[in-house]
Amino acid sequence: MIKAKSLSKKYGELEVLNQVDLTINEGEIVSIVGPSGAGKTTLLQILGTLDKPNKESNVSLMINNTNVLNLKDNELSKFRNLNIGFIFQFHQLLPEFTALENVCIPGFIANRKKNEVENEAKEILSFLGLSNRINHKPNELSGGEQQRVAVARALINKPKVIFADEPSGNLDSNSAKNLHELFFTLRDKYNQTFVIVTHNQELANMTDRKLEMRDGKMIS
C-alpha cells in the first residue's frame, strides 16, 4: 500500500528526516512512536502528501501503486481527496456546519452526487453511534463525539489509507480507548490501512507493528 524510499527533509540547516525507508502493507495498522522532535509528524505529512521530501535522485513514494511525487498539484489534490483520509489531534471540524455537513465536505469536493454522499455520511455516522447527533454542530458535541465525526469525515470517500496524528491526544481516557478500538473495527470492516503517530503507548502496543523514530531516522 505504501512504499517510501530515501525520504529526507531539511528546513534550512535543520535536518528533520534523514533517508527514511518505509513499507506498509494493505490493511495494516502501524504506529509511529518516538520523542518530540523525532520527525514523526513531518514523516506523516509527507506520507499523506501534505508536504514534499527534499528532491534527491533516489527518493520515491508509492501509495496504492501511484508514485505521488510525480503528480502535478491538481492531480495530487484529486489523488489525496479520493485515496487518503486524515485524523488530527484537534478534530478540525468547521464550527458553522452540522456533523452531517462536516462529514459530507470531502465528498462534495470530489464532485460526488449530493444524495449519495449524504446517505453514506448518515450510514457512517450511524455506524459510529452518532445517528442522533447528525444535525448538531461541533460545539454541541462532546470531545469524543467530535473526534468520531472527524473519523467519519476521513472515511466518506472510502480512502485506501488513513493517517492519524495523535488522534486521541485531546481525549479523556475512556474516549481514547473507544477511539483506539474503533480503528481496528474499521480496518476489519473496510480493510483500510492506518498509519498512526502517537505518544500513547497503549495504542502503539495494540497496532500490528510499532515503528520508532529518533533524530529523523527510523530505528525499528
C-alpha atoms as a PDB file:
ATOM      1  CA  MET A   1       0.000   0.000   0.000  1.00  0.00           C
ATOM      2  CA  ILE A   2       2.820   2.437   0.918  1.00  0.00           C
ATOM      3  CA  LYS A   3       6.441   2.150  -0.122  1.00  0.00           C
ATOM      4  CA  ALA A   4       8.731   5.065   0.677  1.00  0.00           C
ATOM      5  CA  LYS A   5      12.405   5.266  -0.172  1.00  0.00           C
ATOM      6  CA  SER A   6      15.032   7.745   0.998  1.00  0.00           C
ATOM      7  CA  LEU A   7      12.661  10.380   2.424  1.00  0.00           C
ATOM      8  CA  SER A   8      14.655  13.347   3.710  1.00  0.00           C
ATOM      9  CA  LYS A   9      13.564  16.809   4.795  1.00  0.00           C
ATOM     10  CA  LYS A  10      15.549  19.880   5.740  1.00  0.00           C
ATOM     11  CA  TYR A  11      14.364  23.281   6.866  1.00  0.00           C
ATOM     12  CA  GLY A  12      17.411  25.423   6.267  1.00  0.00           C
ATOM     13  CA  GLU A  13      20.212  23.708   8.161  1.00  0.00           C
ATOM     14  CA  LEU A  14      17.811  21.717  10.343  1.00  0.00           C
ATOM     15  CA  GLU A  15      17.558  18.097   9.196  1.00  0.00           C
ATOM     16  CA  VAL A  16      14.168  16.735  10.259  1.00  0.00           C
ATOM     17  CA  LEU A  17      14.148  13.489   8.245  1.00  0.00           C
ATOM     18  CA  ASN A  18      17.227  11.555   7.192  1.00  0.00           C
ATOM     19  CA  GLN A  19      16.887   8.887   4.481  1.00  0.00           C
ATOM     20  CA  VAL A  20      13.759   7.184   5.842  1.00  0.00           C
ATOM     21  CA  ASP A  21      12.668   3.947   4.133  1.00  0.00           C
ATOM     22  CA  LEU A  22       9.247   2.518   4.931  1.00  0.00           C
ATOM     23  CA  THR A  23       6.895  -0.192   3.674  1.00  0.00           C
ATOM     24  CA  ILE A  24       3.332  -0.559   4.950  1.00  0.00           C
ATOM     25  CA  ASN A  25       1.021  -3.301   3.734  1.00  0.00           C
ATOM     26  CA  GLU A  26      -2.641  -3.028   2.804  1.00  0.00           C
ATOM     27  CA  GLY A  27      -4.937  -3.470   5.792  1.00  0.00           C
ATOM     28  CA  GLU A  28      -2.107  -2.978   8.276  1.00  0.00           C
ATOM     29  CA  ILE A  29      -2.342  -0.723  11.328  1.00  0.00           C
ATOM     30  CA  VAL A  30       1.073   0.774  12.033  1.00  0.00           C
ATOM     31  CA  SER A  31       2.053   3.146  14.831  1.00  0.00           C
ATOM     32  CA  ILE A  32       4.995   5.535  14.709  1.00  0.00           C
ATOM     33  CA  VAL A  33       6.433   6.463  18.098  1.00  0.00           C
ATOM     34  CA  GLY A  34       9.375   8.431  19.405  1.00  0.00           C
ATOM     35  CA  PRO A  35      10.226  11.562  21.386  1.00  0.00           C
ATOM     36  CA  SER A  36       9.021  15.012  20.399  1.00  0.00           C
ATOM     37  CA  GLY A  37      11.159  16.397  17.599  1.00  0.00           C
ATOM     38  CA  ALA A  38      11.990  12.954  16.196  1.00  0.00           C
ATOM     39  CA  GLY A  39      10.356  13.762  12.850  1.00  0.00           C
ATOM     40  CA  LYS A  40       7.163  11.754  13.255  1.00  0.00           C
ATOM     41  CA  THR A  41       4.686  14.444  12.191  1.00  0.00           C
ATOM     42  CA  THR A  42       6.899  15.577   9.309  1.00  0.00           C
ATOM     43  CA  LEU A  43       7.044  11.987   8.064  1.00  0.00           C
ATOM     44  CA  LEU A  44       3.274  11.659   8.373  1.00  0.00           C
ATOM     45  CA  GLN A  45       2.710  14.888   6.443  1.00  0.00           C
ATOM     46  CA  ILE A  46       4.986  13.710   3.633  1.00  0.00           C
ATOM     47  CA  LEU A  47       3.377  10.262   3.513  1.00  0.00           C
ATOM     48  CA  GLY A  48      -0.013  11.986   3.418  1.00  0.00           C
ATOM     49  CA  THR A  49       1.135  14.252   0.538  1.00  0.00           C
ATOM     50  CA  LEU A  50       0.631  17.412   2.606  1.00  0.00           C
ATOM     51  CA  ASP A  51       4.348  18.130   2.316  1.00  0.00           C
ATOM     52  CA  LYS A  52       7.118  17.013  -0.027  1.00  0.00           C
ATOM     53  CA  PRO A  53      10.521  15.494   0.721  1.00  0.00           C
ATOM     54  CA  ASN A  54      13.752  17.011  -0.482  1.00  0.00           C
ATOM     55  CA  LYS A  55      14.391  16.296  -4.144  1.00  0.00           C
ATOM     56  CA  GLU A  56      17.017  13.592  -4.382  1.00  0.00           C
ATOM     57  CA  SER A  57      17.778  11.173  -7.205  1.00  0.00           C
ATOM     58  CA  ASN A  58      16.730   8.050  -5.318  1.00  0.00           C
ATOM     59  CA  VAL A  59      13.663   9.356  -3.483  1.00  0.00           C
ATOM     60  CA  SER A  60      10.261   7.796  -4.184  1.00  0.00           C
ATOM     61  CA  LEU A  61       6.857   7.496  -2.533  1.00  0.00           C
ATOM     62  CA  MET A  62       4.393   4.932  -3.836  1.00  0.00           C
ATOM     63  CA  ILE A  63       0.841   4.942  -2.467  1.00  0.00           C
ATOM     64  CA  ASN A  64      -1.668   2.466  -3.880  1.00  0.00           C
ATOM     65  CA  ASN A  65       0.639   1.825  -6.879  1.00  0.00           C
ATOM     66  CA  THR A  66       0.975   5.533  -7.705  1.00  0.00           C
ATOM     67  CA  ASN A  67       4.231   7.472  -7.414  1.00  0.00           C
ATOM     68  CA  VAL A  68       2.733  10.571  -5.838  1.00  0.00           C
ATOM     69  CA  LEU A  69       5.954  12.565  -6.221  1.00  0.00           C
ATOM     70  CA  ASN A  70       5.389  12.573  -9.990  1.00  0.00           C
ATOM     71  CA  LEU A  71       1.894  14.068  -9.783  1.00  0.00           C
ATOM     72  CA  LYS A  72       1.162  17.682 -10.638  1.00  0.00           C
ATOM     73  CA  ASP A  73      -0.511  19.772  -7.934  1.00  0.00           C
ATOM     74  CA  ASN A  74      -4.054  19.372  -9.288  1.00  0.00           C
ATOM     75  CA  GLU A  75      -3.527  15.634  -9.816  1.00  0.00           C
ATOM     76  CA  LEU A  76      -2.136  15.314  -6.305  1.00  0.00           C
ATOM     77  CA  SER A  77      -5.108  17.140  -4.779  1.00  0.00           C
ATOM     78  CA  LYS A  78      -7.513  14.787  -6.541  1.00  0.00           C
ATOM     79  CA  PHE A  79      -5.494  11.725  -5.545  1.00  0.00           C
ATOM     80  CA  ARG A  80      -5.391  12.872  -1.908  1.00  0.00           C
ATOM     81  CA  ASN A  81      -9.121  13.531  -1.814  1.00  0.00           C
ATOM     82  CA  LEU A  82     -10.006  10.077  -3.151  1.00  0.00           C
ATOM     83  CA  ASN A  83      -7.315   7.883  -1.583  1.00  0.00           C
ATOM     84  CA  ILE A  84      -6.263   9.433   1.730  1.00  0.00           C
ATOM     85  CA  GLY A  85      -8.100  10.278   4.933  1.00  0.00           C
ATOM     86  CA  PHE A  86      -6.745  12.382   7.805  1.00  0.00           C
ATOM     87  CA  ILE A  87      -7.493  12.391  11.520  1.00  0.00           C
ATOM     88  CA  PHE A  88      -5.780  15.019  13.670  1.00  0.00           C
ATOM     89  CA  GLN A  89      -5.422  15.568  17.415  1.00  0.00           C
ATOM     90  CA  PHE A  90      -7.760  18.551  17.159  1.00  0.00           C
ATOM     91  CA  HIS A  91     -10.756  17.480  15.128  1.00  0.00           C
ATOM     92  CA  GLN A  92     -10.627  20.472  12.722  1.00  0.00           C
ATOM     93  CA  LEU A  93     -14.401  20.467  12.237  1.00  0.00           C
ATOM     94  CA  LEU A  94     -15.927  23.590  10.737  1.00  0.00           C
ATOM     95  CA  PRO A  95     -17.989  25.157  13.555  1.00  0.00           C
ATOM     96  CA  GLU A  96     -20.708  26.632  11.333  1.00  0.00           C
ATOM     97  CA  PHE A  97     -21.681  23.246   9.885  1.00  0.00           C
ATOM     98  CA  THR A  98     -23.507  20.284  11.425  1.00  0.00           C
ATOM     99  CA  ALA A  99     -21.893  16.892  11.947  1.00  0.00           C
ATOM    100  CA  LEU A 100     -23.523  15.625   8.758  1.00  0.00           C
ATOM    101  CA  GLU A 101     -22.357  18.618   6.729  1.00  0.00           C
ATOM    102  CA  ASN A 102     -18.800  18.338   8.039  1.00  0.00           C
ATOM    103  CA  VAL A 103     -18.642  14.671   7.035  1.00  0.00           C
ATOM    104  CA  CYS A 104     -20.027  15.403   3.556  1.00  0.00           C
ATOM    105  CA  ILE A 105     -17.486  18.088   2.607  1.00  0.00           C
ATOM    106  CA  PRO A 106     -14.780  15.775   1.138  1.00  0.00           C
ATOM    107  CA  GLY A 107     -17.465  14.005  -0.901  1.00  0.00           C
ATOM    108  CA  PHE A 108     -18.718  17.291  -2.305  1.00  0.00           C
ATOM    109  CA  ILE A 109     -15.152  18.333  -3.134  1.00  0.00           C
ATOM    110  CA  ALA A 110     -14.882  15.095  -5.128  1.00  0.00           C
ATOM    111  CA  ASN A 111     -17.990  16.181  -7.106  1.00  0.00           C
ATOM    112  CA  ARG A 112     -19.968  13.160  -5.986  1.00  0.00           C
ATOM    113  CA  LYS A 113     -23.776  13.239  -6.074  1.00  0.00           C
ATOM    114  CA  LYS A 114     -25.278  15.075  -3.100  1.00  0.00           C
ATOM    115  CA  ASN A 115     -27.797  12.368  -2.175  1.00  0.00           C
ATOM    116  CA  GLU A 116     -25.186   9.629  -2.451  1.00  0.00           C
ATOM    117  CA  VAL A 117     -22.750  11.476  -0.188  1.00  0.00           C
ATOM    118  CA  GLU A 118     -25.383  12.370   2.400  1.00  0.00           C
ATOM    119  CA  ASN A 119     -26.712   8.803   2.559  1.00  0.00           C
ATOM    120  CA  GLU A 120     -23.217   7.385   3.022  1.00  0.00           C
ATOM    121  CA  ALA A 121     -22.430  10.022   5.653  1.00  0.00           C
ATOM    122  CA  LYS A 122     -25.542   9.070   7.609  1.00  0.00           C
ATOM    123  CA  GLU A 123     -24.593   5.391   7.365  1.00  0.00           C
ATOM    124  CA  ILE A 124     -21.069   6.015   8.667  1.00  0.00           C
ATOM    125  CA  LEU A 125     -22.271   8.307  11.455  1.00  0.00           C
ATOM    126  CA  SER A 126     -24.797   5.663  12.467  1.00  0.00           C
ATOM    127  CA  PHE A 127     -22.063   3.011  12.464  1.00  0.00           C
ATOM    128  CA  LEU A 128     -20.061   5.287  14.776  1.00  0.00           C
ATOM    129  CA  GLY A 129     -23.012   5.669  17.143  1.00  0.00           C
ATOM    130  CA  LEU A 130     -23.886   9.219  16.125  1.00  0.00           C
ATOM    131  CA  SER A 131     -27.184   8.760  14.306  1.00  0.00           C
ATOM    132  CA  ASN A 132     -28.956  11.018  16.813  1.00  0.00           C
ATOM    133  CA  ARG A 133     -26.288  13.734  16.565  1.00  0.00           C
ATOM    134  CA  ILE A 134     -26.090  14.346  12.822  1.00  0.00           C
ATOM    135  CA  ASN A 135     -27.762  17.759  12.981  1.00  0.00           C
ATOM    136  CA  HIS A 136     -25.686  19.003  15.901  1.00  0.00           C
ATOM    137  CA  LYS A 137     -22.868  21.484  15.403  1.00  0.00           C
ATOM    138  CA  PRO A 138     -19.413  20.794  16.889  1.00  0.00           C
ATOM    139  CA  ASN A 139     -19.968  22.980  19.980  1.00  0.00           C
ATOM    140  CA  GLU A 140     -22.984  20.811  20.811  1.00  0.00           C
ATOM    141  CA  LEU A 141     -20.922  17.605  20.805  1.00  0.00           C
ATOM    142  CA  SER A 142     -18.576  16.103  23.371  1.00  0.00           C
ATOM    143  CA  GLY A 143     -14.871  15.771  22.609  1.00  0.00           C
ATOM    144  CA  GLY A 144     -15.250  12.077  21.835  1.00  0.00           C
ATOM    145  CA  GLU A 145     -18.227  12.753  19.569  1.00  0.00           C
ATOM    146  CA  GLN A 146     -16.348  15.481  17.713  1.00  0.00           C
ATOM    147  CA  GLN A 147     -13.448  13.125  17.080  1.00  0.00           C
ATOM    148  CA  ARG A 148     -15.794  10.412  15.783  1.00  0.00           C
ATOM    149  CA  VAL A 149     -17.285  12.964  13.377  1.00  0.00           C
ATOM    150  CA  ALA A 150     -13.731  13.668  12.228  1.00  0.00           C
ATOM    151  CA  VAL A 151     -13.238   9.921  11.705  1.00  0.00           C
ATOM    152  CA  ALA A 152     -16.452   9.772   9.663  1.00  0.00           C
ATOM    153  CA  ARG A 153     -15.210  12.676   7.545  1.00  0.00           C
ATOM    154  CA  ALA A 154     -11.963  10.801   6.919  1.00  0.00           C
ATOM    155  CA  LEU A 155     -13.944   7.752   5.756  1.00  0.00           C
ATOM    156  CA  ILE A 156     -16.510   9.366   3.445  1.00  0.00           C
ATOM    157  CA  ASN A 157     -14.596   8.837   0.189  1.00  0.00           C
ATOM    158  CA  LYS A 158     -13.570   5.288   1.155  1.00  0.00           C
ATOM    159  CA  PRO A 159      -9.839   6.106   1.227  1.00  0.00           C
ATOM    160  CA  LYS A 160      -7.279   3.346   0.942  1.00  0.00           C
ATOM    161  CA  VAL A 161      -5.184   4.722   3.776  1.00  0.00           C
ATOM    162  CA  ILE A 162      -5.875   6.876   6.826  1.00  0.00           C
ATOM    163  CA  PHE A 163      -3.178   8.948   8.531  1.00  0.00           C
ATOM    164  CA  ALA A 164      -3.767   9.903  12.146  1.00  0.00           C
ATOM    165  CA  ASP A 165      -1.620  12.375  14.095  1.00  0.00           C
ATOM    166  CA  GLU A 166      -2.079  12.000  17.871  1.00  0.00           C
ATOM    167  CA  PRO A 167      -5.777  11.170  17.281  1.00  0.00           C
ATOM    168  CA  SER A 168      -6.548  10.560  20.958  1.00  0.00           C
ATOM    169  CA  GLY A 169      -4.207  13.170  22.409  1.00  0.00           C
ATOM    170  CA  ASN A 170      -7.057  15.536  23.247  1.00  0.00           C
ATOM    171  CA  LEU A 171      -9.478  12.926  24.631  1.00  0.00           C
ATOM    172  CA  ASP A 172     -10.179  11.573  28.101  1.00  0.00           C
ATOM    173  CA  SER A 173      -9.025   8.010  28.763  1.00  0.00           C
ATOM    174  CA  ASN A 174     -12.408   6.380  28.105  1.00  0.00           C
ATOM    175  CA  SER A 175     -12.988   8.242  24.822  1.00  0.00           C
ATOM    176  CA  ALA A 176      -9.401   7.457  23.782  1.00  0.00           C
ATOM    177  CA  LYS A 177      -9.927   3.745  24.457  1.00  0.00           C
ATOM    178  CA  ASN A 178     -13.119   3.748  22.388  1.00  0.00           C
ATOM    179  CA  LEU A 179     -11.372   5.538  19.518  1.00  0.00           C
ATOM    180  CA  HIS A 180      -8.462   3.088  19.552  1.00  0.00           C
ATOM    181  CA  GLU A 181     -10.837   0.121  19.373  1.00  0.00           C
ATOM    182  CA  LEU A 182     -12.725   1.847  16.571  1.00  0.00           C
ATOM    183  CA  PHE A 183      -9.644   1.886  14.342  1.00  0.00           C
ATOM    184  CA  PHE A 184      -9.471  -1.901  14.453  1.00  0.00           C
ATOM    185  CA  THR A 185     -13.193  -2.259  13.845  1.00  0.00           C
ATOM    186  CA  LEU A 186     -12.894  -0.001  10.788  1.00  0.00           C
ATOM    187  CA  ARG A 187      -9.902  -1.954   9.498  1.00  0.00           C
ATOM    188  CA  ASP A 188     -11.848  -5.195   9.773  1.00  0.00           C
ATOM    189  CA  LYS A 189     -14.924  -3.691   8.110  1.00  0.00           C
ATOM    190  CA  TYR A 190     -13.299  -1.722   5.277  1.00  0.00           C
ATOM    191  CA  ASN A 191      -9.783  -3.289   5.045  1.00  0.00           C
ATOM    192  CA  GLN A 192      -8.259   0.156   5.340  1.00  0.00           C
ATOM    193  CA  THR A 193      -4.640   0.880   6.179  1.00  0.00           C
ATOM    194  CA  PHE A 194      -3.889   3.077   9.211  1.00  0.00           C
ATOM    195  CA  VAL A 195      -0.669   4.944   9.955  1.00  0.00           C
ATOM    196  CA  ILE A 196      -0.829   6.493  13.418  1.00  0.00           C
ATOM    197  CA  VAL A 197       1.630   8.873  15.072  1.00  0.00           C
ATOM    198  CA  THR A 198       1.114   8.635  18.805  1.00  0.00           C
ATOM    199  CA  HIS A 199       2.662   9.107  22.230  1.00  0.00           C
ATOM    200  CA  ASN A 200       0.018   6.761  23.650  1.00  0.00           C
ATOM    201  CA  GLN A 201       1.870   3.538  24.383  1.00  0.00           C
ATOM    202  CA  GLU A 202      -1.362   1.592  24.928  1.00  0.00           C
ATOM    203  CA  LEU A 203      -2.462   2.414  21.388  1.00  0.00           C
ATOM    204  CA  ALA A 204       1.013   1.798  19.956  1.00  0.00           C
ATOM    205  CA  ASN A 205       1.163  -1.642  21.573  1.00  0.00           C
ATOM    206  CA  MET A 206      -2.229  -2.564  20.080  1.00  0.00           C
ATOM    207  CA  THR A 207      -1.111  -1.963  16.499  1.00  0.00           C
ATOM    208  CA  ASP A 208       0.129  -4.633  14.102  1.00  0.00           C
ATOM    209  CA  ARG A 209       3.561  -3.022  14.011  1.00  0.00           C
ATOM    210  CA  LYS A 210       5.262  -0.310  16.062  1.00  0.00           C
ATOM    211  CA  LEU A 211       7.959   1.776  14.388  1.00  0.00           C
ATOM    212  CA  GLU A 212      10.235   4.016  16.424  1.00  0.00           C
ATOM    213  CA  MET A 213      11.851   7.217  15.213  1.00  0.00           C
ATOM    214  CA  ARG A 214      14.710   9.154  16.722  1.00  0.00           C
ATOM    215  CA  ASP A 215      16.603  12.154  15.326  1.00  0.00           C
ATOM    216  CA  GLY A 216      14.880  11.941  11.952  1.00  0.00           C
ATOM    217  CA  LYS A 217      15.652   8.266  11.410  1.00  0.00           C
ATOM    218  CA  MET A 218      13.674   5.054  11.693  1.00  0.00           C
ATOM    219  CA  ILE A 219      15.409   2.917  14.309  1.00  0.00           C
ATOM    220  CA  SER A 220      12.978  -0.015  14.426  1.00  0.00           C
END
